Structures are given as C-alpha cells and as structure tokens.
Amino acid sequence: MGELKTQPYFLTVEDEGAITGAALMSPPRQLLITAMPDDAVIELADYMLSVSAPVPGFVGIASKAELFANHWTGRTGQTCRVRRTDQLYACTAVLPLTNSPGRLRLATTDDHALLSEWCVRFCLDAGIEDEITFFKARLPHKIADGSLFVWETDTVVSMAAFEREQPRGVAISWVFTPSHLRGRGYATSCVAALTQRMFDTGKKFCCLYADLANSTSNSIYQKIGYRTVCDVDHRVFE
C-alpha cells in the first residue's frame, strides 16, 4: 500500500459522461485542481480521502480552494493555511516596450552551474523551499529540451522558461533575476521576448503566475500585456 501511494494520481470528475474537472498529484508534491463545479470539488476531496491519498496540500482557484479546504479539514480535523496566493495572468499580444540592453538566448550546459544556484534562490524568494530539489533535478532537462532561456548582456542577468505546452498556448515560468541586478528591466525584457517568441511559433496565448504579494512582478507582467484571469491559492495541511 505504501508503494502505491508514491504513484502519481491523474483524476477526472464526470457528470453524465462529461468531464467537469480534473486533478493531478505526484507525491510528495501538492495536488493540482482545475476549475470545476462546487459539487465536483467535494467529490474530489471525498475520493482522495477514501483512497488515503497522501495530500500535503493543494493548488486551486481561490474560491474552490476554500471549499476543498473546509471540506477536508471538517472530515480530518487537520488545519489548513494559505502558503501563497498567486495571480494567474494571460497574454494574447505583447505591448510595445523598450528593451533593456541585452538579448534573449537559449540556456546551455555552460550556464548550468549559475542557473542551478538561481533555482535555489528562486525557490527561497518564492517561499517554496521544499521545491528546491525538484527544480534542480529538472534543470538539465529544461536546458536539453530547449525550453529554458536567459537574458544576456555581457553576462547572464535573468532567466525564464516555457512549459506545459499545448497546441494553442503555453505557460511562462522560472522567471528570476538575482537581487543585485533587479530594477534594470532585465526580467521585463526577458519575459517579453520569450512571450513574443512563443507567439512567433504560432501560440495564441501565454499564461503565467505571479505572487500576489509581489507588486513588482505583477507590475512587470502587466506592462508586457498580461491580464488577470483569477487568483490561485497554494494551501498546505498541518
């Protein structure tokens, strides 16, 4: 039984044959919950409890996250806290911008040591220390598959990546500039250039998450052309 609990969960909630929601989890990481009706949220929580799934926490649209948390804690006696609230943004066109000096280029194996250090600092800044091992393990794959980019002047000053690619859209993530280089427009230029690169390949939209408490990053994305979709809670059980 213990061995089974380490396997990933890929779940759908259906109503008369129609899928009304989905969720996935790769233990020990959090459960990810899509948009779904309230009754589907309850069904999902009940199912995860019925199979004794090791849910350390979850990520979901704020209103659904509140419902899931209340139902889960009511049945288990656990407590639940909001670790972070992100704003989900989407962009369909990059606004005209004056880029900071530099250029966007693919990350290479020569960048690995620096970007590995940035993965640690990225997770610390975001308050997701438990994700450091995950990010560092994924770094070589991101470089190898050509999904990780850097903004380069005379040296590498910022990074961003794309992932969760679909035929019409893609997510932008891994956005990081070290603290001593911030305020110079590097992250804005990096994300704007990568977003435009995605549109140039035929994507119709790009999305990304920004910590709601970080006014700087939210301002950066809005200047590029990203618009708010919804708030997303990251919650943990204790």
Foldseek 3Di string as FASTA:
>chain_A
DVVVLQAKDWDFDDDPRHTFWIWIDHPPDAIETEDGDLVSLLVVLVVCVVVVRNHFWYKYFVVSRVSNQVNNCVVVVWHKDFPFKKWKWKFQAFDDDDAFAFDKDQDAPVCLVVVLVVLCVVCVVVVNNVCSVVVNVCVVVQSVVRFKMFTAHPHTFWIKGWDPDDPAEIEIDPTDGDPVRPPRRRSLNHVLVVQVVVVVVPHRMYMYIDTPVDPVVVVSVVNGGIDTDGMMTIMGID
